[in-house]
Amino acid sequence: MNKQFIVFTLVSAFFVSVVTAVLHQTGLGSPYLTFPVLSLLVPVLLQRMRQGQFGELPLHMGYHVYSWAIFTVINLFTTPFNVTLENQALIVLVFLGVYFLIQILLELVALLMTFFFKRRHRWGAVDEALDMAVYIVPIPFIYLGSIFYINLTDPIMVAYFGPTISLNALVGEFLFIIISMLVFAFYMYPRNGEYKGTRLLRIVVTAAMLLAMNGHILYGGYIPEFVKAIAPTVFPIYQGNPLVFFTPGLLEFVFIIVSVLIGKLVEIGVIKALTKSKC
């Protein structure tokens, strides 16, 4: 692993964890605010202030920001900030360790994303579909997973979360739709001389296909009986099963890839038809 990345990550993690833990224990700052702010800004400022020292840093700071957004959503719903230990020194050490580890994981995910998106694109539309799926899926499905994980067989959980659970799930669906549409628009925007009309058609077809597939599943479309039979096992929503953090996102990953490929095929077909009509 790149030495500059190791030094950069350790320095960032040390500063973020120490300042957050101290502010938390002294009551001068809530970790719900200080940790997200510091974990976002400290690496960015460190990279800018020490450009000579980190001139060969393999990490793209844009993916640091995206990784930060993912971990912020995780922290909002699986927060490690409440500790019931009585020994104050031990509490500080626990907080330091947790914040330090989270910051390291955040930068490792950002590094993996940098390598993934900078890979050599050999398969055209397949690579584009993979890129868009990775951009779209994590944030909305971490949020939705935190909702689907709630165990509604427990009366206490029903009393606490029941009144708002449908609204929260709806918010997750809208979040997914908004992120999907933004990614489709920005990723497929015609920058390199593509036909603007056909590219706009591709964006519309891709978005329409994704919405149609989701609408078919969610709002009463035909589903084979064998799929209905295995659905409660594969998608154990509202049962306190951690599988819901993965399987809905994997299904949507496939839907996105299929939608992007269909949009690409339509674009190619229209371009060929236009070219033939001009000959």
Protein backbone atom coordinates (compact mmCIF):
# COMPACT_ATOMS: atom_id res chain seq x y z
CA MET A 1 0.00 0.00 0.00
CA ASN A 2 1.20 3.53 -0.81
CA LYS A 3 3.26 4.96 2.10
CA GLN A 4 1.76 8.43 1.65
CA PHE A 5 -1.73 6.98 1.99
CA ILE A 6 -0.81 5.19 5.23
CA VAL A 7 0.68 8.35 6.78
CA PHE A 8 -2.20 10.50 5.54
CA THR A 9 -4.82 8.10 6.94
CA LEU A 10 -3.14 7.66 10.33
CA VAL A 11 -2.63 11.41 10.82
CA SER A 12 -6.22 12.15 9.82
CA ALA A 13 -7.61 9.39 12.04
CA PHE A 14 -5.51 10.47 15.02
CA PHE A 15 -6.54 14.13 14.81
CA VAL A 16 -10.23 13.38 14.19
CA SER A 17 -10.49 10.78 16.97
CA VAL A 18 -8.60 12.82 19.60
CA VAL A 19 -10.48 16.07 19.02
CA THR A 20 -13.88 14.34 18.83
CA ALA A 21 -13.29 12.29 21.99
CA VAL A 22 -11.99 15.28 23.98
CA LEU A 23 -14.87 17.53 22.93
CA HIS A 24 -17.35 14.79 23.72
CA GLN A 25 -15.97 14.05 27.20
CA THR A 26 -15.67 17.72 28.14
CA GLY A 27 -19.19 18.45 26.91
CA LEU A 28 -17.98 21.11 24.48
CA GLY A 29 -19.25 19.35 21.39
CA SER A 30 -21.64 16.57 20.46
CA PRO A 31 -20.05 13.71 18.50
CA TYR A 32 -23.14 13.70 16.27
CA LEU A 33 -21.85 17.01 14.93
CA THR A 34 -18.11 17.09 15.58
CA PHE A 35 -17.22 13.68 14.16
CA PRO A 36 -19.01 14.11 10.79
CA VAL A 37 -17.58 17.62 10.37
CA LEU A 38 -14.02 16.68 11.32
CA SER A 39 -14.01 13.39 9.39
CA LEU A 40 -14.99 15.31 6.26
CA LEU A 41 -12.83 18.42 6.58
CA VAL A 42 -9.61 17.23 8.27
CA PRO A 43 -8.45 14.95 5.40
CA VAL A 44 -9.36 17.60 2.79
CA LEU A 45 -7.48 20.34 4.64
CA LEU A 46 -4.52 18.05 5.36
CA GLN A 47 -4.21 17.14 1.70
CA ARG A 48 -4.38 20.79 0.62
CA MET A 49 -1.98 22.09 3.27
CA ARG A 50 0.56 19.32 2.67
CA GLN A 51 0.41 18.99 -1.10
CA GLY A 52 4.17 18.55 -1.31
CA GLN A 53 4.17 15.78 1.27
CA PHE A 54 1.15 14.03 -0.23
CA GLY A 55 1.83 14.80 -3.89
CA GLU A 56 1.54 11.12 -4.87
CA LEU A 57 -1.46 10.32 -2.70
CA PRO A 58 -3.49 7.70 -4.63
CA LEU A 59 -6.73 8.80 -2.98
CA HIS A 60 -9.11 11.02 -4.97
CA MET A 61 -10.68 13.48 -2.53
CA GLY A 62 -14.01 13.35 -4.36
CA TYR A 63 -14.30 9.71 -3.33
CA HIS A 64 -13.29 10.66 0.20
CA VAL A 65 -16.38 12.89 0.24
CA TYR A 66 -18.58 10.09 -1.11
CA SER A 67 -17.17 7.59 1.38
CA TRP A 68 -17.79 10.15 4.13
CA ALA A 69 -21.44 10.42 3.04
CA ILE A 70 -21.81 6.63 3.24
CA PHE A 71 -20.28 6.45 6.73
CA THR A 72 -22.36 9.41 7.89
CA VAL A 73 -25.54 7.52 6.97
CA ILE A 74 -24.19 4.44 8.79
CA ASN A 75 -23.35 6.49 11.89
CA LEU A 76 -26.79 8.05 11.99
CA PHE A 77 -28.41 4.65 12.41
CA THR A 78 -25.72 2.47 14.03
CA THR A 79 -24.10 5.05 16.30
CA PRO A 80 -21.30 3.87 18.65
CA PHE A 81 -21.35 7.04 20.73
CA ASN A 82 -23.22 5.80 23.83
CA VAL A 83 -21.02 4.01 26.37
CA THR A 84 -22.15 2.86 29.83
CA LEU A 85 -18.71 2.26 31.41
CA GLU A 86 -17.99 3.96 34.74
CA ASN A 87 -14.21 4.40 34.34
CA GLN A 88 -13.78 7.77 32.59
CA ALA A 89 -10.30 6.98 31.30
CA LEU A 90 -11.56 3.73 29.78
CA ILE A 91 -14.50 5.57 28.19
CA VAL A 92 -12.11 8.03 26.52
CA LEU A 93 -9.98 5.14 25.21
CA VAL A 94 -13.07 3.38 23.82
CA PHE A 95 -14.21 6.52 22.03
CA LEU A 96 -10.71 7.15 20.69
CA GLY A 97 -10.51 3.60 19.35
CA VAL A 98 -13.95 3.71 17.75
CA TYR A 99 -13.44 7.07 16.03
CA PHE A 100 -9.93 6.11 14.94
CA LEU A 101 -11.14 2.84 13.39
CA ILE A 102 -14.09 4.48 11.64
CA GLN A 103 -11.85 7.12 10.08
CA ILE A 104 -9.43 4.48 8.82
CA LEU A 105 -12.29 2.45 7.33
CA LEU A 106 -13.67 5.61 5.73
CA GLU A 107 -10.37 6.31 3.95
CA LEU A 108 -9.94 2.66 2.93
CA VAL A 109 -13.37 2.67 1.29
CA ALA A 110 -12.48 5.94 -0.45
CA LEU A 111 -9.24 4.35 -1.72
CA LEU A 112 -11.10 1.29 -3.01
CA MET A 113 -13.58 3.56 -4.79
CA THR A 114 -10.70 5.52 -6.33
CA PHE A 115 -9.17 2.32 -7.72
CA PHE A 116 -12.58 1.03 -8.88
CA PHE A 117 -13.60 4.14 -10.80
CA LYS A 118 -10.11 4.67 -12.25
CA ARG A 119 -9.87 1.10 -13.51
CA ARG A 120 -9.45 0.47 -17.21
CA HIS A 121 -12.90 0.42 -18.80
CA ARG A 122 -12.83 -2.45 -21.28
CA TRP A 123 -16.49 -3.44 -21.63
CA GLY A 124 -18.16 -0.20 -22.66
CA ALA A 125 -21.77 -0.10 -21.47
CA VAL A 126 -21.13 -2.84 -18.88
CA ASP A 127 -18.47 -0.71 -17.20
CA GLU A 128 -20.78 2.30 -17.34
CA ALA A 129 -23.56 0.29 -15.73
CA LEU A 130 -21.24 -0.92 -12.95
CA ASP A 131 -20.06 2.65 -12.29
CA MET A 132 -23.59 4.00 -12.03
CA ALA A 133 -24.75 1.13 -9.83
CA VAL A 134 -21.89 1.69 -7.38
CA TYR A 135 -22.65 5.41 -7.27
CA ILE A 136 -26.38 4.84 -6.68
CA VAL A 137 -26.82 1.86 -4.36
CA PRO A 138 -24.86 2.43 -1.10
CA ILE A 139 -26.48 5.50 0.50
CA PRO A 140 -30.21 4.81 -0.07
CA PHE A 141 -29.92 1.10 0.73
CA ILE A 142 -27.96 1.65 3.93
CA TYR A 143 -30.77 4.00 4.94
CA LEU A 144 -33.48 1.55 3.85
CA GLY A 145 -31.61 -1.34 5.48
CA SER A 146 -31.70 0.47 8.81
CA ILE A 147 -35.49 0.69 8.46
CA PHE A 148 -36.04 -2.86 7.17
CA TYR A 149 -33.90 -4.16 10.05
CA ILE A 150 -36.46 -3.01 12.65
CA ASN A 151 -38.11 -6.04 14.26
CA LEU A 152 -41.85 -5.46 14.08
CA THR A 153 -42.55 -8.75 15.85
CA ASP A 154 -41.43 -7.00 19.05
CA PRO A 155 -44.29 -4.94 20.57
CA ILE A 156 -41.83 -2.41 22.01
CA MET A 157 -40.32 -1.79 18.57
CA VAL A 158 -43.80 -1.52 17.06
CA ALA A 159 -44.80 1.09 19.65
CA TYR A 160 -41.60 3.07 19.12
CA PHE A 161 -41.16 2.89 15.34
CA GLY A 162 -44.59 1.83 14.07
CA PRO A 163 -46.13 5.29 13.59
CA THR A 164 -43.29 6.54 11.37
CA ILE A 165 -41.92 3.43 9.70
CA SER A 166 -43.97 3.74 6.50
CA LEU A 167 -43.00 7.40 6.13
CA ASN A 168 -39.32 6.58 6.66
CA ALA A 169 -39.47 3.82 4.06
CA LEU A 170 -41.10 6.26 1.62
CA VAL A 171 -38.31 8.77 2.29
CA GLY A 172 -35.81 6.02 1.46
CA GLU A 173 -37.57 5.28 -1.82
CA PHE A 174 -37.55 8.97 -2.79
CA LEU A 175 -33.87 9.20 -1.83
CA PHE A 176 -33.12 6.27 -4.12
CA ILE A 177 -35.09 7.81 -7.00
CA ILE A 178 -33.44 11.23 -6.62
CA ILE A 179 -29.91 9.79 -6.47
CA SER A 180 -30.61 7.49 -9.43
CA MET A 181 -31.94 10.29 -11.62
CA LEU A 182 -29.02 12.58 -10.73
CA VAL A 183 -26.44 9.89 -11.44
CA PHE A 184 -28.04 8.99 -14.77
CA ALA A 185 -28.18 12.63 -15.83
CA PHE A 186 -24.65 13.59 -14.79
CA TYR A 187 -22.92 10.35 -15.79
CA MET A 188 -24.51 10.07 -19.23
CA TYR A 189 -24.50 13.77 -20.06
CA PRO A 190 -23.06 14.11 -23.62
CA ARG A 191 -19.55 15.51 -23.05
CA ASN A 192 -17.52 13.85 -25.79
CA GLY A 193 -19.38 14.68 -28.97
CA GLU A 194 -22.26 12.23 -28.59
CA TYR A 195 -25.55 13.06 -30.27
CA LYS A 196 -27.42 15.10 -27.67
CA GLY A 197 -30.86 13.98 -28.80
CA THR A 198 -30.10 10.27 -28.70
CA ARG A 199 -28.20 10.62 -25.43
CA LEU A 200 -31.17 12.38 -23.85
CA LEU A 201 -33.35 9.52 -25.12
CA ARG A 202 -30.97 7.03 -23.51
CA ILE A 203 -31.18 8.83 -20.16
CA VAL A 204 -34.99 8.87 -20.31
CA VAL A 205 -35.23 5.20 -21.32
CA THR A 206 -32.77 4.15 -18.60
CA ALA A 207 -34.67 6.06 -15.92
CA ALA A 208 -38.02 4.78 -17.17
CA MET A 209 -36.85 1.16 -17.16
CA LEU A 210 -35.52 1.43 -13.60
CA LEU A 211 -38.75 3.02 -12.37
CA ALA A 212 -40.84 0.46 -14.25
CA MET A 213 -39.00 -2.53 -12.76
CA ASN A 214 -39.26 -1.13 -9.25
CA GLY A 215 -42.90 -0.17 -9.73
CA HIS A 216 -43.69 -3.66 -11.01
CA ILE A 217 -42.19 -5.26 -7.89
CA LEU A 218 -43.52 -2.77 -5.33
CA TYR A 219 -47.01 -2.08 -6.60
CA GLY A 220 -48.65 -5.37 -7.49
CA GLY A 221 -47.05 -6.55 -10.74
CA TYR A 222 -46.90 -10.22 -11.63
CA ILE A 223 -44.33 -12.17 -9.59
CA PRO A 224 -43.84 -15.95 -10.11
CA GLU A 225 -44.98 -18.13 -7.24
CA PHE A 226 -41.52 -19.59 -6.58
CA VAL A 227 -40.16 -16.04 -6.18
CA LYS A 228 -42.94 -15.22 -3.72
CA ALA A 229 -42.06 -18.39 -1.81
CA ILE A 230 -38.39 -17.51 -1.32
CA ALA A 231 -38.88 -13.74 -0.90
CA PRO A 232 -39.41 -13.81 2.91
CA THR A 233 -36.14 -15.73 3.27
CA VAL A 234 -34.10 -13.64 0.87
CA PHE A 235 -35.66 -10.32 1.92
CA PRO A 236 -36.49 -10.77 5.63
CA ILE A 237 -37.71 -7.21 6.18
CA TYR A 238 -38.88 -6.02 9.60
CA GLN A 239 -37.52 -9.14 11.31
CA GLY A 240 -34.28 -7.82 12.80
CA ASN A 241 -32.26 -9.72 10.19
CA PRO A 242 -29.02 -8.05 8.96
CA LEU A 243 -29.53 -9.64 5.53
CA VAL A 244 -31.76 -6.67 4.64
CA PHE A 245 -28.67 -4.47 4.44
CA PHE A 246 -27.47 -6.52 1.45
CA THR A 247 -30.13 -8.34 -0.56
CA PRO A 248 -32.38 -5.37 -1.50
CA GLY A 249 -29.30 -3.46 -2.66
CA LEU A 250 -28.06 -6.44 -4.69
CA LEU A 251 -31.43 -6.73 -6.42
CA GLU A 252 -31.38 -3.02 -7.22
CA PHE A 253 -27.79 -3.36 -8.45
CA VAL A 254 -29.04 -5.85 -11.05
CA PHE A 255 -32.00 -3.61 -11.97
CA ILE A 256 -29.66 -0.66 -12.56
CA ILE A 257 -27.32 -2.68 -14.78
CA VAL A 258 -30.23 -4.02 -16.85
CA SER A 259 -31.73 -0.52 -17.18
CA VAL A 260 -28.45 1.03 -18.31
CA LEU A 261 -27.82 -1.72 -20.87
CA ILE A 262 -31.34 -1.38 -22.30
CA GLY A 263 -30.87 2.38 -22.56
CA LYS A 264 -27.56 1.83 -24.36
CA LEU A 265 -29.12 -0.62 -26.83
CA VAL A 266 -31.90 1.88 -27.60
CA GLU A 267 -29.33 4.62 -28.19
CA ILE A 268 -27.30 2.41 -30.53
CA GLY A 269 -30.43 1.35 -32.42
CA VAL A 270 -31.61 4.95 -32.91
CA ILE A 271 -28.17 6.10 -34.08
CA LYS A 272 -28.00 3.24 -36.60
CA ALA A 273 -31.49 4.05 -37.86
CA LEU A 274 -30.62 7.74 -38.28
CA THR A 275 -27.38 6.89 -40.06
CA LYS A 276 -29.24 4.56 -42.46
CA SER A 277 -31.86 7.19 -43.23
CA LYS A 278 -29.14 9.69 -44.20
CA CYS A 279 -27.41 7.28 -46.60
